[in-house]
Amino acid sequence: MSDPIGAFFDRLAGGGYERLLRKTRGTVRFELTGDDGVDLWHLTIADGRVAVSREPLDADALICTDRASFARMTRGEAKPLAAWLRNDLTIDGQFGFVVLLERLVAAPPGARHPRAMAGDRQESA
């Protein structure tokens, strides 16, 4: 089974310019806990470009959760804001990065873009 967390960060780092992030600047540190310790990931965003690092960096926000919860988020099975409301995810620093994470994680399984759904409705009318 592949690692959904590593795949998530690889996708962000390899994606090139990300229009969604064009006005965002900052670094987010992710601390993902598990039975064998804590995984650290750093996501640095600058004007639409994303860099991922496992090296310790200063961060504008710290997001903490367990690996299993974060893996569910990366697969679209859970949403970061809902996890925060359930206290499954905590943040220290700029809260806007949780909102941004909400937009970066995968869509729920079976989800369709609203424009595609509107087009389907127009075709069937």
PDB file of N, CA and C in Angstrom:
ATOM      1  N   MET A   1       0.850  -1.180   0.000  1.00  0.00           N
ATOM      2  CA  MET A   1       0.000   0.000   0.000  1.00  0.00           C
ATOM      3  C   MET A   1       0.893   1.239   0.000  1.00  0.00           C
ATOM      4  N   SER A   2       0.623   2.195  -0.871  1.00  0.00           N
ATOM      5  CA  SER A   2       1.445   3.389  -0.956  1.00  0.00           C
ATOM      6  C   SER A   2       1.140   4.330   0.207  1.00  0.00           C
ATOM      7  N   ASP A   3       2.064   5.227   0.459  1.00  0.00           N
ATOM      8  CA  ASP A   3       1.937   6.184   1.542  1.00  0.00           C
ATOM      9  C   ASP A   3       1.156   7.404   1.060  1.00  0.00           C
ATOM     10  N   PRO A   4      -0.099   7.599   1.512  1.00  0.00           N
ATOM     11  CA  PRO A   4      -0.880   8.735   1.027  1.00  0.00           C
ATOM     12  C   PRO A   4      -0.317  10.073   1.489  1.00  0.00           C
ATOM     13  N   ILE A   5       0.357  10.106   2.626  1.00  0.00           N
ATOM     14  CA  ILE A   5       0.910  11.357   3.130  1.00  0.00           C
ATOM     15  C   ILE A   5       2.088  11.795   2.263  1.00  0.00           C
ATOM     16  N   GLY A   6       3.010  10.882   1.998  1.00  0.00           N
ATOM     17  CA  GLY A   6       4.135  11.200   1.119  1.00  0.00           C
ATOM     18  C   GLY A   6       3.660  11.581  -0.270  1.00  0.00           C
ATOM     19  N   ALA A   7       2.654  10.880  -0.785  1.00  0.00           N
ATOM     20  CA  ALA A   7       2.116  11.185  -2.115  1.00  0.00           C
ATOM     21  C   ALA A   7       1.480  12.576  -2.138  1.00  0.00           C
ATOM     22  N   PHE A   8       0.801  12.964  -1.060  1.00  0.00           N
ATOM     23  CA  PHE A   8       0.192  14.284  -0.968  1.00  0.00           C
ATOM     24  C   PHE A   8       1.251  15.377  -1.055  1.00  0.00           C
ATOM     25  N   PHE A   9       2.303  15.245  -0.244  1.00  0.00           N
ATOM     26  CA  PHE A   9       3.356  16.264  -0.255  1.00  0.00           C
ATOM     27  C   PHE A   9       4.135  16.243  -1.567  1.00  0.00           C
ATOM     28  N   ASP A  10       4.358  15.073  -2.143  1.00  0.00           N
ATOM     29  CA  ASP A  10       5.025  14.993  -3.449  1.00  0.00           C
ATOM     30  C   ASP A  10       4.209  15.695  -4.526  1.00  0.00           C
ATOM     31  N   ARG A  11       2.895  15.504  -4.499  1.00  0.00           N
ATOM     32  CA  ARG A  11       2.019  16.157  -5.480  1.00  0.00           C
ATOM     33  C   ARG A  11       2.097  17.677  -5.352  1.00  0.00           C
ATOM     34  N   LEU A  12       2.096  18.172  -4.114  1.00  0.00           N
ATOM     35  CA  LEU A  12       2.180  19.619  -3.913  1.00  0.00           C
ATOM     36  C   LEU A  12       3.531  20.168  -4.368  1.00  0.00           C
ATOM     37  N   ALA A  13       4.603  19.459  -4.037  1.00  0.00           N
ATOM     38  CA  ALA A  13       5.951  19.936  -4.387  1.00  0.00           C
ATOM     39  C   ALA A  13       6.200  19.861  -5.882  1.00  0.00           C
ATOM     40  N   GLY A  14       5.635  18.886  -6.555  1.00  0.00           N
ATOM     41  CA  GLY A  14       5.883  18.697  -7.976  1.00  0.00           C
ATOM     42  C   GLY A  14       4.889  19.356  -8.892  1.00  0.00           C
ATOM     43  N   GLY A  15       3.948  20.079  -8.340  1.00  0.00           N
ATOM     44  CA  GLY A  15       2.869  20.637  -9.135  1.00  0.00           C
ATOM     45  C   GLY A  15       3.182  21.905  -9.892  1.00  0.00           C
ATOM     46  N   GLY A  16       4.346  22.513  -9.673  1.00  0.00           N
ATOM     47  CA  GLY A  16       4.643  23.771 -10.342  1.00  0.00           C
ATOM     48  C   GLY A  16       3.827  24.904  -9.752  1.00  0.00           C
ATOM     49  N   TYR A  17       3.512  25.893 -10.565  1.00  0.00           N
ATOM     50  CA  TYR A  17       2.748  27.048 -10.104  1.00  0.00           C
ATOM     51  C   TYR A  17       1.330  26.619  -9.763  1.00  0.00           C
ATOM     52  N   GLU A  18       0.873  27.005  -8.596  1.00  0.00           N
ATOM     53  CA  GLU A  18      -0.468  26.669  -8.113  1.00  0.00           C
ATOM     54  C   GLU A  18      -1.268  27.960  -7.995  1.00  0.00           C
ATOM     55  N   ARG A  19      -2.206  28.169  -8.909  1.00  0.00           N
ATOM     56  CA  ARG A  19      -2.990  29.400  -8.949  1.00  0.00           C
ATOM     57  C   ARG A  19      -3.692  29.675  -7.625  1.00  0.00           C
ATOM     58  N   LEU A  20      -4.165  28.641  -6.967  1.00  0.00           N
ATOM     59  CA  LEU A  20      -4.858  28.758  -5.695  1.00  0.00           C
ATOM     60  C   LEU A  20      -3.985  29.446  -4.634  1.00  0.00           C
ATOM     61  N   LEU A  21      -2.667  29.325  -4.774  1.00  0.00           N
ATOM     62  CA  LEU A  21      -1.744  29.833  -3.759  1.00  0.00           C
ATOM     63  C   LEU A  21      -1.047  31.125  -4.165  1.00  0.00           C
ATOM     64  N   ARG A  22      -1.493  31.772  -5.223  1.00  0.00           N
ATOM     65  CA  ARG A  22      -0.765  32.914  -5.786  1.00  0.00           C
ATOM     66  C   ARG A  22      -0.603  34.084  -4.818  1.00  0.00           C
ATOM     67  N   LYS A  23      -1.473  34.233  -3.843  1.00  0.00           N
ATOM     68  CA  LYS A  23      -1.378  35.342  -2.896  1.00  0.00           C
ATOM     69  C   LYS A  23      -0.952  34.879  -1.502  1.00  0.00           C
ATOM     70  N   THR A  24      -0.456  33.678  -1.405  1.00  0.00           N
ATOM     71  CA  THR A  24      -0.102  33.096  -0.109  1.00  0.00           C
ATOM     72  C   THR A  24       1.411  33.059   0.057  1.00  0.00           C
ATOM     73  N   ARG A  25       1.855  33.416   1.255  1.00  0.00           N
ATOM     74  CA  ARG A  25       3.269  33.331   1.615  1.00  0.00           C
ATOM     75  C   ARG A  25       3.358  32.814   3.041  1.00  0.00           C
ATOM     76  N   GLY A  26       4.207  31.842   3.260  1.00  0.00           N
ATOM     77  CA  GLY A  26       4.427  31.358   4.612  1.00  0.00           C
ATOM     78  C   GLY A  26       4.855  29.906   4.633  1.00  0.00           C
ATOM     79  N   THR A  27       5.201  29.457   5.826  1.00  0.00           N
ATOM     80  CA  THR A  27       5.629  28.072   6.035  1.00  0.00           C
ATOM     81  C   THR A  27       4.747  27.433   7.091  1.00  0.00           C
ATOM     82  N   VAL A  28       4.300  26.226   6.794  1.00  0.00           N
ATOM     83  CA  VAL A  28       3.485  25.451   7.718  1.00  0.00           C
ATOM     84  C   VAL A  28       4.288  24.225   8.127  1.00  0.00           C
ATOM     85  N   ARG A  29       4.368  23.998   9.414  1.00  0.00           N
ATOM     86  CA  ARG A  29       5.015  22.793   9.937  1.00  0.00           C
ATOM     87  C   ARG A  29       3.919  21.806  10.321  1.00  0.00           C
ATOM     88  N   PHE A  30       4.019  20.591   9.816  1.00  0.00           N
ATOM     89  CA  PHE A  30       3.083  19.525  10.152  1.00  0.00           C
ATOM     90  C   PHE A  30       3.791  18.554  11.077  1.00  0.00           C
ATOM     91  N   GLU A  31       3.204  18.305  12.232  1.00  0.00           N
ATOM     92  CA  GLU A  31       3.699  17.284  13.155  1.00  0.00           C
ATOM     93  C   GLU A  31       2.658  16.176  13.188  1.00  0.00           C
ATOM     94  N   LEU A  32       3.019  15.045  12.602  1.00  0.00           N
ATOM     95  CA  LEU A  32       2.104  13.912  12.471  1.00  0.00           C
ATOM     96  C   LEU A  32       2.578  12.807  13.396  1.00  0.00           C
ATOM     97  N   THR A  33       1.788  12.508  14.410  1.00  0.00           N
ATOM     98  CA  THR A  33       2.193  11.532  15.416  1.00  0.00           C
ATOM     99  C   THR A  33       1.716  10.133  15.052  1.00  0.00           C
ATOM    100  N   GLY A  34       2.483   9.161  15.496  1.00  0.00           N
ATOM    101  CA  GLY A  34       2.148   7.760  15.295  1.00  0.00           C
ATOM    102  C   GLY A  34       2.810   6.918  16.356  1.00  0.00           C
ATOM    103  N   ASP A  35       2.652   5.612  16.250  1.00  0.00           N
ATOM    104  CA  ASP A  35       3.222   4.698  17.244  1.00  0.00           C
ATOM    105  C   ASP A  35       4.745   4.784  17.310  1.00  0.00           C
ATOM    106  N   ASP A  36       5.371   5.117  16.186  1.00  0.00           N
ATOM    107  CA  ASP A  36       6.835   5.139  16.161  1.00  0.00           C
ATOM    108  C   ASP A  36       7.422   6.551  16.197  1.00  0.00           C
ATOM    109  N   GLY A  37       6.664   7.522  16.694  1.00  0.00           N
ATOM    110  CA  GLY A  37       7.201   8.866  16.853  1.00  0.00           C
ATOM    111  C   GLY A  37       6.438   9.908  16.057  1.00  0.00           C
ATOM    112  N   VAL A  38       7.134  10.995  15.755  1.00  0.00           N
ATOM    113  CA  VAL A  38       6.533  12.143  15.081  1.00  0.00           C
ATOM    114  C   VAL A  38       7.217  12.353  13.737  1.00  0.00           C
ATOM    115  N   ASP A  39       6.414  12.474  12.686  1.00  0.00           N
ATOM    116  CA  ASP A  39       6.917  12.849  11.355  1.00  0.00           C
ATOM    117  C   ASP A  39       6.783  14.350  11.208  1.00  0.00           C
ATOM    118  N   LEU A  40       7.838  14.994  10.737  1.00  0.00           N
ATOM    119  CA  LEU A  40       7.808  16.429  10.496  1.00  0.00           C
ATOM    120  C   LEU A  40       7.831  16.701   9.002  1.00  0.00           C
ATOM    121  N   TRP A  41       6.938  17.558   8.564  1.00  0.00           N
ATOM    122  CA  TRP A  41       6.889  18.017   7.176  1.00  0.00           C
ATOM    123  C   TRP A  41       6.769  19.530   7.217  1.00  0.00           C
ATOM    124  N   HIS A  42       7.448  20.203   6.314  1.00  0.00           N
ATOM    125  CA  HIS A  42       7.338  21.651   6.191  1.00  0.00           C
ATOM    126  C   HIS A  42       6.890  21.989   4.777  1.00  0.00           C
ATOM    127  N   LEU A  43       5.864  22.786   4.697  1.00  0.00           N
ATOM    128  CA  LEU A  43       5.318  23.232   3.426  1.00  0.00           C
ATOM    129  C   LEU A  43       5.542  24.739   3.354  1.00  0.00           C
ATOM    130  N   THR A  44       6.381  25.170   2.415  1.00  0.00           N
ATOM    131  CA  THR A  44       6.659  26.592   2.242  1.00  0.00           C
ATOM    132  C   THR A  44       5.986  27.063   0.965  1.00  0.00           C
ATOM    133  N   ILE A  45       5.187  28.104   1.096  1.00  0.00           N
ATOM    134  CA  ILE A  45       4.416  28.633  -0.026  1.00  0.00           C
ATOM    135  C   ILE A  45       4.860  30.071  -0.263  1.00  0.00           C
ATOM    136  N   ALA A  46       5.177  30.378  -1.510  1.00  0.00           N
ATOM    137  CA  ALA A  46       5.577  31.745  -1.861  1.00  0.00           C
ATOM    138  C   ALA A  46       5.061  32.069  -3.254  1.00  0.00           C
ATOM    139  N   ASP A  47       4.029  32.896  -3.314  1.00  0.00           N
ATOM    140  CA  ASP A  47       3.506  33.413  -4.583  1.00  0.00           C
ATOM    141  C   ASP A  47       3.165  32.317  -5.590  1.00  0.00           C
ATOM    142  N   GLY A  48       2.492  31.299  -5.133  1.00  0.00           N
ATOM    143  CA  GLY A  48       2.046  30.244  -6.038  1.00  0.00           C
ATOM    144  C   GLY A  48       3.001  29.076  -6.188  1.00  0.00           C
ATOM    145  N   ARG A  49       4.162  29.151  -5.601  1.00  0.00           N
ATOM    146  CA  ARG A  49       5.146  28.056  -5.656  1.00  0.00           C
ATOM    147  C   ARG A  49       5.178  27.355  -4.299  1.00  0.00           C
ATOM    148  N   VAL A  50       5.352  26.049  -4.343  1.00  0.00           N
ATOM    149  CA  VAL A  50       5.347  25.248  -3.125  1.00  0.00           C
ATOM    150  C   VAL A  50       6.647  24.466  -3.031  1.00  0.00           C
ATOM    151  N   ALA A  51       7.226  24.468  -1.832  1.00  0.00           N
ATOM    152  CA  ALA A  51       8.406  23.646  -1.548  1.00  0.00           C
ATOM    153  C   ALA A  51       8.085  22.802  -0.323  1.00  0.00           C
ATOM    154  N   VAL A  52       8.520  21.560  -0.349  1.00  0.00           N
ATOM    155  CA  VAL A  52       8.303  20.638   0.761  1.00  0.00           C
ATOM    156  C   VAL A  52       9.657  20.227   1.302  1.00  0.00           C
ATOM    157  N   SER A  53       9.755  20.191   2.629  1.00  0.00           N
ATOM    158  CA  SER A  53      11.011  19.816   3.260  1.00  0.00           C
ATOM    159  C   SER A  53      10.725  18.979   4.500  1.00  0.00           C
ATOM    160  N   ARG A  54      11.667  18.127   4.831  1.00  0.00           N
ATOM    161  CA  ARG A  54      11.607  17.371   6.086  1.00  0.00           C
ATOM    162  C   ARG A  54      12.587  17.963   7.096  1.00  0.00           C
ATOM    163  N   GLU A  55      13.336  18.991   6.679  1.00  0.00           N
ATOM    164  CA  GLU A  55      14.309  19.651   7.547  1.00  0.00           C
ATOM    165  C   GLU A  55      13.587  20.614   8.490  1.00  0.00           C
ATOM    166  N   PRO A  56      14.115  20.814   9.708  1.00  0.00           N
ATOM    167  CA  PRO A  56      13.496  21.773  10.633  1.00  0.00           C
ATOM    168  C   PRO A  56      13.592  23.198  10.086  1.00  0.00           C
ATOM    169  N   LEU A  57      12.467  23.887  10.039  1.00  0.00           N
ATOM    170  CA  LEU A  57      12.390  25.264   9.573  1.00  0.00           C
ATOM    171  C   LEU A  57      11.522  26.071  10.528  1.00  0.00           C
ATOM    172  N   ASP A  58      11.734  27.382  10.563  1.00  0.00           N
ATOM    173  CA  ASP A  58      10.803  28.253  11.278  1.00  0.00           C
ATOM    174  C   ASP A  58       9.481  28.229  10.525  1.00  0.00           C
ATOM    175  N   ALA A  59       8.387  28.305  11.259  1.00  0.00           N
ATOM    176  CA  ALA A  59       7.078  28.195  10.599  1.00  0.00           C
ATOM    177  C   ALA A  59       6.121  29.273  11.093  1.00  0.00           C
ATOM    178  N   ASP A  60       5.202  29.655  10.217  1.00  0.00           N
ATOM    179  CA  ASP A  60       4.159  30.611  10.550  1.00  0.00           C
ATOM    180  C   ASP A  60       2.968  29.929  11.216  1.00  0.00           C
ATOM    181  N   ALA A  61       2.860  28.629  11.012  1.00  0.00           N
ATOM    182  CA  ALA A  61       1.770  27.854  11.607  1.00  0.00           C
ATOM    183  C   ALA A  61       2.257  26.446  11.881  1.00  0.00           C
ATOM    184  N   LEU A  62       1.751  25.872  12.951  1.00  0.00           N
ATOM    185  CA  LEU A  62       2.050  24.492  13.318  1.00  0.00           C
ATOM    186  C   LEU A  62       0.736  23.736  13.347  1.00  0.00           C
ATOM    187  N   ILE A  63       0.644  22.697  12.532  1.00  0.00           N
ATOM    188  CA  ILE A  63      -0.549  21.850  12.492  1.00  0.00           C
ATOM    189  C   ILE A  63      -0.164  20.483  13.037  1.00  0.00           C
ATOM    190  N   CYS A  64      -0.881  20.042  14.060  1.00  0.00           N
ATOM    191  CA  CYS A  64      -0.602  18.758  14.703  1.00  0.00           C
ATOM    192  C   CYS A  64      -1.816  17.849  14.584  1.00  0.00           C
ATOM    193  N   THR A  65      -1.564  16.608  14.209  1.00  0.00           N
ATOM    194  CA  THR A  65      -2.599  15.585  14.173  1.00  0.00           C
ATOM    195  C   THR A  65      -1.896  14.234  14.137  1.00  0.00           C
ATOM    196  N   ASP A  66      -2.656  13.173  14.167  1.00  0.00           N
ATOM    197  CA  ASP A  66      -2.028  11.860  14.045  1.00  0.00           C
ATOM    198  C   ASP A  66      -1.971  11.456  12.565  1.00  0.00           C
ATOM    199  N   ARG A  67      -1.064  10.535  12.264  1.00  0.00           N
ATOM    200  CA  ARG A  67      -0.846  10.118  10.871  1.00  0.00           C
ATOM    201  C   ARG A  67      -2.111   9.562  10.232  1.00  0.00           C
ATOM    202  N   ALA A  68      -2.858   8.757  10.980  1.00  0.00           N
ATOM    203  CA  ALA A  68      -4.064   8.133  10.419  1.00  0.00           C
ATOM    204  C   ALA A  68      -5.095   9.192  10.025  1.00  0.00           C
ATOM    205  N   SER A  69      -5.287  10.205  10.865  1.00  0.00           N
ATOM    206  CA  SER A  69      -6.243  11.275  10.541  1.00  0.00           C
ATOM    207  C   SER A  69      -5.786  12.059   9.322  1.00  0.00           C
ATOM    208  N   PHE A  70      -4.483  12.377   9.264  1.00  0.00           N
ATOM    209  CA  PHE A  70      -3.980  13.149   8.133  1.00  0.00           C
ATOM    210  C   PHE A  70      -4.066  12.332   6.845  1.00  0.00           C
ATOM    211  N   ALA A  71      -3.806  11.043   6.935  1.00  0.00           N
ATOM    212  CA  ALA A  71      -3.929  10.179   5.752  1.00  0.00           C
ATOM    213  C   ALA A  71      -5.363  10.188   5.233  1.00  0.00           C
ATOM    214  N   ARG A  72      -6.346  10.154   6.141  1.00  0.00           N
ATOM    215  CA  ARG A  72      -7.752  10.237   5.720  1.00  0.00           C
ATOM    216  C   ARG A  72      -8.030  11.567   5.017  1.00  0.00           C
ATOM    217  N   MET A  73      -7.435  12.648   5.516  1.00  0.00           N
ATOM    218  CA  MET A  73      -7.613  13.953   4.871  1.00  0.00           C
ATOM    219  C   MET A  73      -7.025  13.956   3.463  1.00  0.00           C
ATOM    220  N   THR A  74      -5.842  13.379   3.303  1.00  0.00           N
ATOM    221  CA  THR A  74      -5.192  13.388   1.986  1.00  0.00           C
ATOM    222  C   THR A  74      -5.954  12.548   0.970  1.00  0.00           C
ATOM    223  N   ARG A  75      -6.708  11.563   1.446  1.00  0.00           N
ATOM    224  CA  ARG A  75      -7.517  10.733   0.542  1.00  0.00           C
ATOM    225  C   ARG A  75      -8.918  11.298   0.326  1.00  0.00           C
ATOM    226  N   GLY A  76      -9.243  12.400   0.991  1.00  0.00           N
ATOM    227  CA  GLY A  76     -10.560  13.011   0.838  1.00  0.00           C
ATOM    228  C   GLY A  76     -11.626  12.391   1.722  1.00  0.00           C
ATOM    229  N   GLU A  77     -11.240  11.568   2.653  1.00  0.00           N
ATOM    230  CA  GLU A  77     -12.199  10.904   3.533  1.00  0.00           C
ATOM    231  C   GLU A  77     -12.552  11.743   4.757  1.00  0.00           C
ATOM    232  N   ALA A  78     -11.767  12.780   5.033  1.00  0.00           N
ATOM    233  CA  ALA A  78     -12.018  13.689   6.152  1.00  0.00           C
ATOM    234  C   ALA A  78     -11.560  15.078   5.718  1.00  0.00           C
ATOM    235  N   LYS A  79     -12.145  16.089   6.310  1.00  0.00           N
ATOM    236  CA  LYS A  79     -11.802  17.465   5.970  1.00  0.00           C
ATOM    237  C   LYS A  79     -11.098  18.128   7.157  1.00  0.00           C
ATOM    238  N   PRO A  80     -10.075  18.948   6.890  1.00  0.00           N
ATOM    239  CA  PRO A  80      -9.318  19.589   7.965  1.00  0.00           C
ATOM    240  C   PRO A  80     -10.154  20.447   8.912  1.00  0.00           C
ATOM    241  N   LEU A  81     -11.079  21.245   8.397  1.00  0.00           N
ATOM    242  CA  LEU A  81     -11.883  22.090   9.289  1.00  0.00           C
ATOM    243  C   LEU A  81     -12.754  21.244  10.219  1.00  0.00           C
ATOM    244  N   ALA A  82     -13.321  20.196   9.700  1.00  0.00           N
ATOM    245  CA  ALA A  82     -14.126  19.302  10.545  1.00  0.00           C
ATOM    246  C   ALA A  82     -13.231  18.619  11.587  1.00  0.00           C
ATOM    247  N   ALA A  83     -12.021  18.230  11.195  1.00  0.00           N
ATOM    248  CA  ALA A  83     -11.077  17.622  12.139  1.00  0.00           C
ATOM    249  C   ALA A  83     -10.707  18.610  13.235  1.00  0.00           C
ATOM    250  N   TRP A  84     -10.529  19.878  12.862  1.00  0.00           N
ATOM    251  CA  TRP A  84     -10.220  20.906  13.850  1.00  0.00           C
ATOM    252  C   TRP A  84     -11.390  21.072  14.826  1.00  0.00           C
ATOM    253  N   LEU A  85     -12.615  21.086  14.318  1.00  0.00           N
ATOM    254  CA  LEU A  85     -13.789  21.224  15.177  1.00  0.00           C
ATOM    255  C   LEU A  85     -13.923  20.043  16.140  1.00  0.00           C
ATOM    256  N   ARG A  86     -13.511  18.858  15.697  1.00  0.00           N
ATOM    257  CA  ARG A  86     -13.554  17.666  16.555  1.00  0.00           C
ATOM    258  C   ARG A  86     -12.335  17.576  17.471  1.00  0.00           C
ATOM    259  N   ASN A  87     -11.404  18.517  17.339  1.00  0.00           N
ATOM    260  CA  ASN A  87     -10.150  18.530  18.083  1.00  0.00           C
ATOM    261  C   ASN A  87      -9.240  17.360  17.688  1.00  0.00           C
ATOM    262  N   ASP A  88      -9.413  16.837  16.483  1.00  0.00           N
ATOM    263  CA  ASP A  88      -8.511  15.819  15.936  1.00  0.00           C
ATOM    264  C   ASP A  88      -7.294  16.476  15.305  1.00  0.00           C
ATOM    265  N   LEU A  89      -7.358  17.783  15.102  1.00  0.00           N
ATOM    266  CA  LEU A  89      -6.284  18.560  14.503  1.00  0.00           C
ATOM    267  C   LEU A  89      -6.180  19.850  15.307  1.00  0.00           C
ATOM    268  N   THR A  90      -4.954  20.221  15.661  1.00  0.00           N
ATOM    269  CA  THR A  90      -4.760  21.488  16.360  1.00  0.00           C
ATOM    270  C   THR A  90      -3.853  22.370  15.524  1.00  0.00           C
ATOM    271  N   ILE A  91      -3.984  23.669  15.721  1.00  0.00           N
ATOM    272  CA  ILE A  91      -3.142  24.619  15.001  1.00  0.00           C
ATOM    273  C   ILE A  91      -2.663  25.684  15.966  1.00  0.00           C
ATOM    274  N   ASP A  92      -1.415  26.044  15.788  1.00  0.00           N
ATOM    275  CA  ASP A  92      -0.827  27.152  16.521  1.00  0.00           C
ATOM    276  C   ASP A  92      -0.251  28.090  15.469  1.00  0.00           C
ATOM    277  N   GLY A  93      -0.685  29.330  15.479  1.00  0.00           N
ATOM    278  CA  GLY A  93      -0.214  30.279  14.473  1.00  0.00           C
ATOM    279  C   GLY A  93      -1.349  30.714  13.572  1.00  0.00           C
ATOM    280  N   GLN A  94      -1.029  31.011  12.338  1.00  0.00           N
ATOM    281  CA  GLN A  94      -2.003  31.552  11.395  1.00  0.00           C
ATOM    282  C   GLN A  94      -3.058  30.516  11.005  1.00  0.00           C
ATOM    283  N   PHE A  95      -4.288  30.750  11.451  1.00  0.00           N
ATOM    284  CA  PHE A  95      -5.380  29.805  11.202  1.00  0.00           C
ATOM    285  C   PHE A  95      -5.714  29.678   9.714  1.00  0.00           C
ATOM    286  N   GLY A  96      -5.421  30.685   8.941  1.00  0.00           N
ATOM    287  CA  GLY A  96      -5.722  30.648   7.509  1.00  0.00           C
ATOM    288  C   GLY A  96      -5.102  29.463   6.799  1.00  0.00           C
ATOM    289  N   PHE A  97      -4.034  28.907   7.349  1.00  0.00           N
ATOM    290  CA  PHE A  97      -3.414  27.746   6.715  1.00  0.00           C
ATOM    291  C   PHE A  97      -4.283  26.495   6.831  1.00  0.00           C
ATOM    292  N   VAL A  98      -5.132  26.401   7.853  1.00  0.00           N
ATOM    293  CA  VAL A  98      -6.068  25.272   7.937  1.00  0.00           C
ATOM    294  C   VAL A  98      -7.114  25.410   6.834  1.00  0.00           C
ATOM    295  N   VAL A  99      -7.578  26.627   6.611  1.00  0.00           N
ATOM    296  CA  VAL A  99      -8.539  26.868   5.542  1.00  0.00           C
ATOM    297  C   VAL A  99      -7.895  26.531   4.194  1.00  0.00           C
ATOM    298  N   LEU A 100      -6.643  26.924   4.015  1.00  0.00           N
ATOM    299  CA  LEU A 100      -5.922  26.600   2.791  1.00  0.00           C
ATOM    300  C   LEU A 100      -5.767  25.087   2.633  1.00  0.00           C
ATOM    301  N   LEU A 101      -5.427  24.403   3.718  1.00  0.00           N
ATOM    302  CA  LEU A 101      -5.286  22.945   3.677  1.00  0.00           C
ATOM    303  C   LEU A 101      -6.595  22.297   3.247  1.00  0.00           C
ATOM    304  N   GLU A 102      -7.702  22.864   3.696  1.00  0.00           N
ATOM    305  CA  GLU A 102      -9.025  22.362   3.311  1.00  0.00           C
ATOM    306  C   GLU A 102      -9.161  22.332   1.785  1.00  0.00           C
ATOM    307  N   ARG A 103      -8.584  23.326   1.125  1.00  0.00           N
ATOM    308  CA  ARG A 103      -8.690  23.424  -0.329  1.00  0.00           C
ATOM    309  C   ARG A 103      -7.639  22.583  -1.054  1.00  0.00           C
ATOM    310  N   LEU A 104      -6.564  22.212  -0.362  1.00  0.00           N
ATOM    311  CA  LEU A 104      -5.490  21.462  -1.014  1.00  0.00           C
ATOM    312  C   LEU A 104      -5.665  19.950  -0.950  1.00  0.00           C
ATOM    313  N   VAL A 105      -6.377  19.465   0.063  1.00  0.00           N
ATOM    314  CA  VAL A 105      -6.544  18.013   0.184  1.00  0.00           C
ATOM    315  C   VAL A 105      -7.502  17.515  -0.891  1.00  0.00           C
ATOM    316  N   ALA A 106      -7.514  16.235  -1.085  1.00  0.00           N
ATOM    317  CA  ALA A 106      -8.340  15.622  -2.126  1.00  0.00           C
ATOM    318  C   ALA A 106      -9.827  15.840  -1.852  1.00  0.00           C
ATOM    319  N   ALA A 107     -10.574  15.833  -2.922  1.00  0.00           N
ATOM    320  CA  ALA A 107     -12.032  15.891  -2.805  1.00  0.00           C
ATOM    321  C   ALA A 107     -12.536  14.555  -2.270  1.00  0.00           C
ATOM    322  N   PRO A 108     -13.690  14.551  -1.621  1.00  0.00           N
ATOM    323  CA  PRO A 108     -14.244  13.284  -1.133  1.00  0.00           C
ATOM    324  C   PRO A 108     -14.430  12.293  -2.283  1.00  0.00           C
ATOM    325  N   PRO A 109     -14.301  10.987  -2.003  1.00  0.00           N
ATOM    326  CA  PRO A 109     -14.498   9.994  -3.055  1.00  0.00           C
ATOM    327  C   PRO A 109     -15.866  10.164  -3.716  1.00  0.00           C
ATOM    328  N   GLY A 110     -15.886  10.150  -5.034  1.00  0.00           N
ATOM    329  CA  GLY A 110     -17.125  10.281  -5.781  1.00  0.00           C
ATOM    330  C   GLY A 110     -17.586  11.712  -5.990  1.00  0.00           C
ATOM    331  N   ALA A 111     -16.822  12.690  -5.471  1.00  0.00           N
ATOM    332  CA  ALA A 111     -17.221  14.090  -5.629  1.00  0.00           C
ATOM    333  C   ALA A 111     -17.014  14.536  -7.072  1.00  0.00           C
ATOM    334  N   ARG A 112     -17.864  15.474  -7.487  1.00  0.00           N
ATOM    335  CA  ARG A 112     -17.750  16.023  -8.840  1.00  0.00           C
ATOM    336  C   ARG A 112     -17.698  17.532  -8.745  1.00  0.00           C
ATOM    337  N   HIS A 113     -17.033  18.142  -9.686  1.00  0.00           N
ATOM    338  CA  HIS A 113     -16.938  19.593  -9.718  1.00  0.00           C
ATOM    339  C   HIS A 113     -18.320  20.179  -9.982  1.00  0.00           C
ATOM    340  N   PRO A 114     -18.694  21.289  -9.304  1.00  0.00           N
ATOM    341  CA  PRO A 114     -20.028  21.879  -9.505  1.00  0.00           C
ATOM    342  C   PRO A 114     -20.324  22.241 -10.959  1.00  0.00           C
ATOM    343  N   ARG A 115     -19.327  22.696 -11.703  1.00  0.00           N
ATOM    344  CA  ARG A 115     -19.565  23.044 -13.100  1.00  0.00           C
ATOM    345  C   ARG A 115     -19.909  21.817 -13.928  1.00  0.00           C
ATOM    346  N   ALA A 116     -19.276  20.697 -13.614  1.00  0.00           N
ATOM    347  CA  ALA A 116     -19.597  19.459 -14.332  1.00  0.00           C
ATOM    348  C   ALA A 116     -21.032  19.024 -14.021  1.00  0.00           C
ATOM    349  N   MET A 117     -21.427  19.179 -12.777  1.00  0.00           N
ATOM    350  CA  MET A 117     -22.797  18.805 -12.403  1.00  0.00           C
ATOM    351  C   MET A 117     -23.809  19.714 -13.095  1.00  0.00           C
ATOM    352  N   ALA A 118     -23.509  21.019 -13.153  1.00  0.00           N
ATOM    353  CA  ALA A 118     -24.425  21.946 -13.831  1.00  0.00           C
ATOM    354  C   ALA A 118     -24.530  21.615 -15.311  1.00  0.00           C
ATOM    355  N   GLY A 119     -23.425  21.246 -15.933  1.00  0.00           N
ATOM    356  CA  GLY A 119     -23.437  20.856 -17.342  1.00  0.00           C
ATOM    357  C   GLY A 119     -24.261  19.614 -17.569  1.00  0.00           C
ATOM    358  N   ASP A 120     -24.182  18.640 -16.647  1.00  0.00           N
ATOM    359  CA  ASP A 120     -24.983  17.420 -16.760  1.00  0.00           C
ATOM    360  C   ASP A 120     -26.471  17.736 -16.687  1.00  0.00           C
ATOM    361  N   ARG A 121     -26.836  18.677 -15.819  1.00  0.00           N
ATOM    362  CA  ARG A 121     -28.244  19.046 -15.682  1.00  0.00           C
ATOM    363  C   ARG A 121     -28.751  19.743 -16.925  1.00  0.00           C
ATOM    364  N   GLN A 122     -27.922  20.575 -17.549  1.00  0.00           N
ATOM    365  CA  GLN A 122     -28.337  21.278 -18.752  1.00  0.00           C
ATOM    366  C   GLN A 122     -28.521  20.327 -19.923  1.00  0.00           C
ATOM    367  N   GLU A 123     -27.659  19.304 -20.024  1.00  0.00           N
ATOM    368  CA  GLU A 123     -27.747  18.336 -21.101  1.00  0.00           C
ATOM    369  C   GLU A 123     -28.989  17.471 -20.990  1.00  0.00           C
ATOM    370  N   SER A 124     -29.416  17.169 -19.765  1.00  0.00           N
ATOM    371  CA  SER A 124     -30.570  16.298 -19.587  1.00  0.00           C
ATOM    372  C   SER A 124     -31.891  17.054 -19.702  1.00  0.00           C
ATOM    373  N   ALA A 125     -31.826  18.378 -19.730  1.00  0.00           N
ATOM    374  CA  ALA A 125     -33.074  19.172 -19.802  1.00  0.00           C
ATOM    375  C   ALA A 125     -33.605  19.269 -21.204  1.00  0.00           C
TER     376      ALA A 125
END
